[in-house]
Amino acid sequence: MELRKLELIEVRVRLRSEFETSFGKTVERPAILVRVEEKGGEEGWAEVVADEGPWYSYETNETAWLVITKFIAGQLRTDVSARGFPALVSRIRGHNMAKAGVEMALWDLEARLNSRPLWRYIGGVRDRILSGVSVGIQPSLEQLVRVVSGYIEEGYGRVKIKIKPGYDVEPVRRLRKEFGEGLRLQVDANAAYTISDIDVFRELDKYGLLMIEQPLGWRDLVDHAELARHIRTPICLDESVQDLGDAKAAYLLGSALIINVKPPRVGGLGETLRIHDFWYGQLGRPIWIGGMLETGVGRGHLVAAATLPGVKYHSDISASSRYYEEDIVEPPWTLNKDGTISAPERPGIGVEVLSDKVYRMAKRRLEVPLAQGP
């Protein structure tokens, strides 16, 4: 594959409604779109999901822009492959979201050049994925019930709610009272608690949750292992797993039974596949695919990852209309009546980027020169 262009376009996208987690509210977010172009004119797209502030991750849209333009582009060769990309940037420590933006654009381009849907190209096994919905912290329990009820009516098969200290047991108790044990329900703390809060998790144990996601520190594995010994509800790790090495350590320590793999968090689809092949292929344990409020561009990569055989739970991949009034891809991602999202049969991510719209929205745009191959 011979590249002739790497382009970055930053846009700002406004959510339909604010999304609150334990570390703050999001109303509008930046998205850095990455476009790579092959010598014949075919293009591949992906998205850098880093936010304005270092809340979920130490990466921000500014650091990602800098790392790509100053460091990654200098290593990116005109003759490159998606599988070979990690070796090119191996000297750059961390900055997985910046790396993932470029790497996943290469995967999209390769799949298009091979006239294959991305999900088939990476080894996916299903043409529909189970779609779950993530619900932010609400101003009242009554509002929480209304919001969850609306998503259930739309057909979402699993509900995840964000929790934080003081907003944890009561929301779960209220949802169980309103919707019963039949609601597939899980919670996500985004690392808001410490091991001293063990009584909160023992109380949550009573409500038949699918899992508790990232209850403790964002890089912790040891205290998660200790917590796992004291509760029945499975622990799912998110922020604590940055790569395959973390997944192996989590297994050896007993820190979790489940991993939420977010491709941008771990550096792209290549590392997603390696984690999947270890956690599911070797251990027989399930994973699922998480989201970062992506536009339809990033969502295409998530859908592809969610078709992998080890994805056994509903993933945080909702319809475009869940977050945005208008998406930047055509067709937009939609929810089927059975609560699934279809994996497209068109080459690459399976949707077309509305480039004219993207360029009109652009806050900044840059073409980055590529190094010549050896």
Protein backbone atom coordinates (compact mmCIF):
# COMPACT_ATOMS: atom_id res chain seq x y z
CA MET A 1 0.00 0.00 0.00
CA GLU A 2 1.57 3.27 -1.12
CA LEU A 3 0.33 6.42 0.57
CA ARG A 4 0.49 9.88 -0.91
CA LYS A 5 -1.30 11.95 1.73
CA LEU A 6 -2.14 12.18 5.44
CA GLU A 7 -4.67 14.82 6.41
CA LEU A 8 -6.01 15.98 9.78
CA ILE A 9 -9.33 17.83 10.10
CA GLU A 10 -10.56 18.99 13.48
CA VAL A 11 -14.29 19.56 13.90
CA ARG A 12 -16.43 20.27 16.92
CA VAL A 13 -19.60 18.26 17.34
CA ARG A 14 -22.44 19.13 19.69
CA LEU A 15 -24.35 16.43 21.53
CA ARG A 16 -28.14 16.33 21.49
CA SER A 17 -28.03 16.52 25.28
CA GLU A 18 -25.26 16.82 27.86
CA PHE A 19 -23.55 13.60 28.90
CA GLU A 20 -22.36 13.48 32.51
CA THR A 21 -19.93 11.01 34.05
CA SER A 22 -18.07 10.95 37.36
CA PHE A 23 -15.43 13.29 35.92
CA GLY A 24 -17.67 15.93 34.36
CA LYS A 25 -20.21 16.94 31.71
CA THR A 26 -19.81 16.96 27.94
CA VAL A 27 -21.98 19.15 25.72
CA GLU A 28 -19.64 19.69 22.79
CA ARG A 29 -16.53 17.73 21.94
CA PRO A 30 -13.66 18.03 19.50
CA ALA A 31 -13.02 15.28 16.99
CA ILE A 32 -9.88 15.02 14.93
CA LEU A 33 -10.66 13.19 11.72
CA VAL A 34 -7.76 11.41 10.05
CA ARG A 35 -7.79 10.87 6.31
CA VAL A 36 -5.17 8.85 4.45
CA GLU A 37 -5.02 8.69 0.68
CA GLU A 38 -3.41 6.01 -1.47
CA LYS A 39 -1.59 6.77 -4.73
CA GLY A 40 -4.62 5.62 -6.76
CA GLY A 41 -6.93 8.04 -4.94
CA GLU A 42 -8.65 5.61 -2.53
CA GLU A 43 -9.01 6.99 0.97
CA GLY A 44 -9.36 5.72 4.52
CA TRP A 45 -10.90 7.52 7.48
CA ALA A 46 -10.70 7.30 11.25
CA GLU A 47 -11.15 9.50 14.30
CA VAL A 48 -9.03 10.62 17.23
CA VAL A 49 -11.33 10.60 20.26
CA ALA A 50 -9.22 12.55 22.77
CA ASP A 51 -11.23 15.22 24.56
CA GLU A 52 -10.36 18.82 25.43
CA GLY A 53 -9.16 17.96 28.93
CA PRO A 54 -7.16 15.09 30.48
CA TRP A 55 -10.13 13.58 32.28
CA TYR A 56 -10.67 10.09 30.85
CA SER A 57 -7.09 9.95 29.57
CA TYR A 58 -3.99 12.10 29.83
CA GLU A 59 -4.36 12.67 26.07
CA THR A 60 -6.22 15.70 24.77
CA ASN A 61 -7.09 16.89 21.29
CA GLU A 62 -4.14 19.28 21.48
CA THR A 63 -1.62 16.63 22.51
CA ALA A 64 -2.96 14.26 19.84
CA TRP A 65 -2.63 16.91 17.13
CA LEU A 66 0.95 17.62 18.26
CA VAL A 67 2.00 13.97 18.51
CA ILE A 68 0.61 13.10 15.09
CA THR A 69 2.08 16.12 13.30
CA LYS A 70 5.45 16.26 15.07
CA PHE A 71 6.22 12.62 15.81
CA ILE A 72 3.95 10.07 14.11
CA ALA A 73 3.99 11.66 10.66
CA GLY A 74 7.78 11.60 10.68
CA GLN A 75 7.72 7.83 11.14
CA LEU A 76 4.85 7.13 8.76
CA ARG A 77 6.18 5.84 5.46
CA THR A 78 4.64 6.19 2.05
CA ASP A 79 4.86 2.39 1.89
CA VAL A 80 3.06 1.22 5.02
CA SER A 81 0.48 -1.31 6.18
CA ALA A 82 -1.95 -1.29 9.09
CA ARG A 83 -0.23 -4.31 10.62
CA GLY A 84 3.19 -2.76 10.18
CA PHE A 85 2.24 0.63 11.61
CA PRO A 86 2.82 -0.19 15.33
CA ALA A 87 6.46 -1.05 14.64
CA LEU A 88 6.98 2.29 12.89
CA VAL A 89 5.80 4.25 15.94
CA SER A 90 7.13 1.93 18.64
CA ARG A 91 9.61 4.58 19.86
CA ILE A 92 6.71 6.83 20.82
CA ARG A 93 5.60 5.87 24.32
CA GLY A 94 1.91 6.02 25.09
CA HIS A 95 -0.39 8.38 23.17
CA ASN A 96 -2.56 5.47 22.10
CA MET A 97 -5.43 7.67 20.91
CA ALA A 98 -3.17 9.61 18.56
CA LYS A 99 -1.66 6.38 17.23
CA ALA A 100 -5.08 4.76 16.88
CA GLY A 101 -6.42 7.60 14.76
CA VAL A 102 -3.77 6.97 12.12
CA GLU A 103 -3.70 3.19 12.45
CA MET A 104 -7.45 2.76 12.04
CA ALA A 105 -7.48 5.02 8.98
CA LEU A 106 -4.93 2.60 7.49
CA TRP A 107 -7.19 -0.36 8.30
CA ASP A 108 -10.12 1.35 6.57
CA LEU A 109 -7.98 2.09 3.52
CA GLU A 110 -6.62 -1.46 3.32
CA ALA A 111 -10.09 -2.97 3.53
CA ARG A 112 -11.32 -0.65 0.77
CA LEU A 113 -8.36 -1.51 -1.45
CA ASN A 114 -9.19 -5.19 -0.93
CA SER A 115 -12.90 -4.53 -1.65
CA ARG A 116 -13.90 -6.03 1.70
CA PRO A 117 -15.94 -4.75 4.62
CA LEU A 118 -13.61 -3.86 7.46
CA TRP A 119 -15.37 -6.22 9.85
CA ARG A 120 -14.75 -9.18 7.57
CA TYR A 121 -11.19 -8.03 6.89
CA ILE A 122 -10.28 -8.20 10.60
CA GLY A 123 -11.99 -11.56 11.20
CA GLY A 124 -15.49 -10.64 12.33
CA VAL A 125 -18.07 -13.41 12.43
CA ARG A 126 -21.47 -11.69 12.66
CA ASP A 127 -23.23 -9.16 10.46
CA ARG A 128 -25.26 -7.69 13.33
CA ILE A 129 -23.94 -6.50 16.66
CA LEU A 130 -25.77 -6.24 19.97
CA SER A 131 -26.24 -2.57 20.75
CA GLY A 132 -26.32 -1.21 24.28
CA VAL A 133 -26.86 2.33 25.48
CA SER A 134 -24.83 4.31 28.00
CA VAL A 135 -26.81 6.74 30.16
CA GLY A 136 -25.06 9.64 31.85
CA ILE A 137 -25.71 10.85 35.38
CA GLN A 138 -29.16 12.43 35.51
CA PRO A 139 -30.38 15.40 37.61
CA SER A 140 -33.04 13.27 39.32
CA LEU A 141 -34.10 9.64 39.61
CA GLU A 142 -37.38 10.50 37.90
CA GLN A 143 -35.45 11.83 34.92
CA LEU A 144 -33.28 8.70 34.93
CA VAL A 145 -36.36 6.50 34.72
CA ARG A 146 -37.77 8.55 31.85
CA VAL A 147 -34.52 8.42 29.91
CA VAL A 148 -34.05 4.68 30.41
CA SER A 149 -37.69 4.00 29.53
CA GLY A 150 -37.23 5.86 26.25
CA TYR A 151 -34.19 3.79 25.29
CA ILE A 152 -35.95 0.55 26.15
CA GLU A 153 -38.83 1.58 23.90
CA GLU A 154 -36.36 2.29 21.09
CA GLY A 155 -35.14 -1.29 21.35
CA TYR A 156 -31.82 -1.11 23.17
CA GLY A 157 -31.17 -4.48 24.77
CA ARG A 158 -28.84 -3.38 27.56
CA VAL A 159 -28.62 -0.26 29.70
CA LYS A 160 -25.46 1.01 31.34
CA ILE A 161 -25.65 3.88 33.79
CA LYS A 162 -22.82 6.05 34.99
CA ILE A 163 -22.35 6.21 38.76
CA LYS A 164 -20.30 8.26 41.21
CA PRO A 165 -20.12 8.49 45.02
CA GLY A 166 -23.56 9.51 46.26
CA TYR A 167 -25.20 8.47 42.99
CA ASP A 168 -24.88 4.71 42.87
CA VAL A 169 -27.09 2.36 44.89
CA GLU A 170 -30.25 4.45 44.74
CA PRO A 171 -30.32 4.79 40.92
CA VAL A 172 -29.84 1.03 40.58
CA ARG A 173 -32.51 0.29 43.18
CA ARG A 174 -34.94 2.63 41.40
CA LEU A 175 -34.33 1.08 37.98
CA ARG A 176 -34.83 -2.42 39.35
CA LYS A 177 -38.08 -1.30 40.97
CA GLU A 178 -39.34 0.25 37.73
CA PHE A 179 -38.14 -2.33 35.19
CA GLY A 180 -37.58 -5.52 37.16
CA GLU A 181 -34.89 -8.17 36.97
CA GLY A 182 -35.41 -8.61 33.23
CA LEU A 183 -33.56 -5.39 32.41
CA ARG A 184 -29.96 -6.07 31.42
CA LEU A 185 -28.29 -3.49 33.62
CA GLN A 186 -24.71 -2.59 34.44
CA VAL A 187 -22.91 0.36 35.99
CA ASP A 188 -19.77 2.29 35.11
CA ALA A 189 -17.85 4.25 37.75
CA ASN A 190 -15.03 5.62 35.56
CA ALA A 191 -12.58 5.03 38.41
CA ALA A 192 -14.48 7.19 40.92
CA TYR A 193 -14.11 4.93 43.98
CA THR A 194 -11.42 3.42 46.20
CA ILE A 195 -11.17 0.05 47.89
CA SER A 196 -12.46 1.72 51.08
CA ASP A 197 -15.86 1.99 49.32
CA ILE A 198 -16.28 -1.79 49.33
CA ASP A 199 -19.63 -1.56 51.15
CA VAL A 200 -21.11 0.30 48.17
CA PHE A 201 -20.23 -2.60 45.89
CA ARG A 202 -21.52 -5.17 48.36
CA GLU A 203 -24.82 -3.30 48.31
CA LEU A 204 -24.83 -3.21 44.50
CA ASP A 205 -24.29 -6.98 44.61
CA LYS A 206 -27.95 -7.35 45.58
CA TYR A 207 -29.31 -6.11 42.26
CA GLY A 208 -28.23 -8.68 39.71
CA LEU A 209 -25.99 -6.41 37.63
CA LEU A 210 -24.26 -7.78 34.56
CA MET A 211 -21.01 -6.17 35.70
CA ILE A 212 -19.43 -3.22 37.48
CA GLU A 213 -17.14 -1.35 35.12
CA GLN A 214 -13.90 0.31 36.27
CA PRO A 215 -14.91 0.90 39.89
CA LEU A 216 -11.42 1.80 41.14
CA GLY A 217 -8.33 3.74 40.01
CA TRP A 218 -7.80 4.32 36.30
CA ARG A 219 -4.48 2.46 36.23
CA ASP A 220 -5.12 0.12 39.15
CA LEU A 221 -5.07 -3.66 38.93
CA VAL A 222 -4.16 -4.69 42.48
CA ASP A 223 -7.13 -3.19 44.36
CA HIS A 224 -9.49 -4.44 41.66
CA ALA A 225 -8.23 -7.95 42.39
CA GLU A 226 -8.90 -7.40 46.08
CA LEU A 227 -12.42 -6.10 45.40
CA ALA A 228 -13.16 -9.06 43.13
CA ARG A 229 -12.57 -11.40 46.06
CA HIS A 230 -15.31 -9.72 48.09
CA ILE A 231 -18.21 -9.31 45.64
CA ARG A 232 -20.16 -11.63 43.33
CA THR A 233 -20.82 -9.16 40.52
CA PRO A 234 -18.17 -9.49 37.76
CA ILE A 235 -15.69 -6.66 37.48
CA CYS A 236 -15.08 -5.23 34.03
CA LEU A 237 -11.94 -3.22 33.35
CA ASP A 238 -11.82 -0.24 31.02
CA GLU A 239 -9.20 2.45 31.67
CA SER A 240 -6.87 0.01 33.44
CA VAL A 241 -6.21 -1.99 30.26
CA GLN A 242 -4.09 0.08 27.89
CA ASP A 243 -2.55 -2.85 26.00
CA LEU A 244 -2.08 -6.61 25.91
CA GLY A 245 0.42 -6.45 28.77
CA ASP A 246 -2.20 -4.94 31.05
CA ALA A 247 -4.68 -7.65 30.04
CA LYS A 248 -2.17 -10.35 30.94
CA ALA A 249 -1.45 -8.69 34.29
CA ALA A 250 -5.17 -8.38 35.02
CA TYR A 251 -5.60 -12.09 34.39
CA LEU A 252 -2.65 -13.12 36.58
CA LEU A 253 -3.81 -10.88 39.43
CA GLY A 254 -7.49 -11.80 39.13
CA SER A 255 -8.51 -8.18 38.60
CA ALA A 256 -11.46 -8.80 36.25
CA LEU A 257 -13.51 -11.34 34.37
CA ILE A 258 -14.46 -9.01 31.52
CA ILE A 259 -12.69 -6.29 29.52
CA ASN A 260 -14.31 -3.36 27.78
CA VAL A 261 -11.96 -2.85 24.84
CA LYS A 262 -12.04 0.62 23.33
CA PRO A 263 -9.88 0.47 20.20
CA PRO A 264 -8.73 4.11 20.55
CA ARG A 265 -7.71 3.52 24.16
CA VAL A 266 -5.46 0.58 23.33
CA GLY A 267 -3.85 2.06 20.22
CA GLY A 268 -6.07 0.76 17.44
CA LEU A 269 -7.57 -2.33 15.89
CA GLY A 270 -4.31 -4.29 15.86
CA GLU A 271 -3.97 -4.18 19.65
CA THR A 272 -7.72 -4.80 19.96
CA LEU A 273 -7.21 -8.05 18.05
CA ARG A 274 -4.26 -9.05 20.23
CA ILE A 275 -6.21 -8.44 23.44
CA HIS A 276 -9.20 -10.30 22.00
CA ASP A 277 -7.10 -13.28 20.96
CA PHE A 278 -5.59 -13.54 24.44
CA TRP A 279 -8.61 -12.79 26.64
CA TYR A 280 -11.10 -14.76 24.58
CA GLY A 281 -9.00 -16.99 22.33
CA GLN A 282 -6.71 -18.29 25.09
CA LEU A 283 -8.72 -17.73 28.27
CA GLY A 284 -12.26 -18.12 26.93
CA ARG A 285 -13.33 -14.91 28.67
CA PRO A 286 -15.65 -12.35 27.04
CA ILE A 287 -14.94 -8.83 25.94
CA TRP A 288 -17.15 -6.08 24.60
CA ILE A 289 -16.49 -2.87 22.72
CA GLY A 290 -16.82 0.50 24.38
CA GLY A 291 -17.35 3.92 22.87
CA MET A 292 -16.08 7.47 23.35
CA LEU A 293 -18.98 9.51 21.93
CA GLU A 294 -17.60 8.96 18.43
CA THR A 295 -19.04 10.45 15.29
CA GLY A 296 -20.17 8.04 12.59
CA VAL A 297 -16.55 7.75 11.41
CA GLY A 298 -15.22 6.33 14.65
CA ARG A 299 -18.42 4.36 15.13
CA GLY A 300 -17.67 2.43 11.94
CA HIS A 301 -14.49 1.06 13.47
CA LEU A 302 -16.31 0.12 16.68
CA VAL A 303 -18.96 -1.79 14.74
CA ALA A 304 -16.23 -3.74 12.95
CA ALA A 305 -14.54 -4.63 16.26
CA ALA A 306 -17.85 -5.68 17.81
CA THR A 307 -18.28 -8.43 15.20
CA LEU A 308 -15.31 -10.39 16.64
CA PRO A 309 -16.19 -13.80 18.09
CA GLY A 310 -15.21 -12.95 21.67
CA VAL A 311 -17.65 -10.03 21.97
CA LYS A 312 -20.29 -11.69 24.11
CA TYR A 313 -22.04 -8.70 25.67
CA HIS A 314 -23.90 -5.70 24.28
CA SER A 315 -21.40 -3.03 23.24
CA ASP A 316 -21.60 0.73 23.82
CA ILE A 317 -22.35 1.36 20.15
CA SER A 318 -25.61 3.21 19.65
CA ALA A 319 -27.34 4.73 16.65
CA SER A 320 -26.09 8.09 15.36
CA SER A 321 -29.27 9.71 16.67
CA ARG A 322 -28.39 8.68 20.23
CA TYR A 323 -25.81 11.45 20.42
CA TYR A 324 -26.09 13.75 17.41
CA GLU A 325 -28.85 15.54 15.52
CA GLU A 326 -26.87 15.05 12.31
CA ASP A 327 -23.97 12.72 11.68
CA ILE A 328 -21.09 13.30 9.26
CA VAL A 329 -21.48 9.98 7.44
CA GLU A 330 -23.99 8.58 4.99
CA PRO A 331 -25.93 6.52 5.76
CA PRO A 332 -26.07 7.27 9.48
CA TRP A 333 -25.85 4.36 11.90
CA THR A 334 -29.33 3.13 12.83
CA LEU A 335 -30.80 0.67 15.31
CA ASN A 336 -32.67 -2.34 13.95
CA LYS A 337 -36.00 -3.37 15.47
CA ASP A 338 -34.32 -6.29 17.23
CA GLY A 339 -31.90 -3.99 19.07
CA THR A 340 -28.92 -4.65 16.80
CA ILE A 341 -26.84 -2.55 14.44
CA SER A 342 -25.99 -4.01 11.05
CA ALA A 343 -22.37 -4.38 9.97
CA PRO A 344 -22.29 -2.95 6.42
CA GLU A 345 -21.26 -5.02 3.43
CA ARG A 346 -19.70 -2.06 1.62
CA PRO A 347 -15.87 -1.93 1.65
CA GLY A 348 -14.05 -0.40 4.61
CA ILE A 349 -16.10 0.99 7.47
CA GLY A 350 -19.11 0.75 5.17
CA VAL A 351 -20.25 4.38 5.23
CA GLU A 352 -19.14 7.41 3.28
CA VAL A 353 -17.81 10.48 5.02
CA LEU A 354 -19.65 13.66 4.02
CA SER A 355 -16.38 15.40 3.22
CA ASP A 356 -17.93 18.65 1.99
CA LYS A 357 -19.79 18.97 5.28
CA VAL A 358 -16.68 18.04 7.26
CA TYR A 359 -14.57 20.69 5.52
CA ARG A 360 -17.23 23.34 6.14
CA MET A 361 -17.20 22.39 9.83
CA ALA A 362 -13.42 22.31 10.10
CA LYS A 363 -11.82 24.41 12.83
CA ARG A 364 -8.40 23.56 11.51
CA ARG A 365 -7.03 21.39 8.76
CA LEU A 366 -3.55 20.22 7.89
CA GLU A 367 -1.90 18.04 5.27
CA VAL A 368 1.10 16.28 6.76
CA PRO A 369 4.07 15.24 4.61
CA LEU A 370 5.10 11.57 4.74
CA ALA A 371 8.56 10.10 4.88
CA GLN A 372 9.78 8.21 1.84
CA GLY A 373 10.26 4.48 2.25
CA PRO A 374 13.77 3.11 2.67
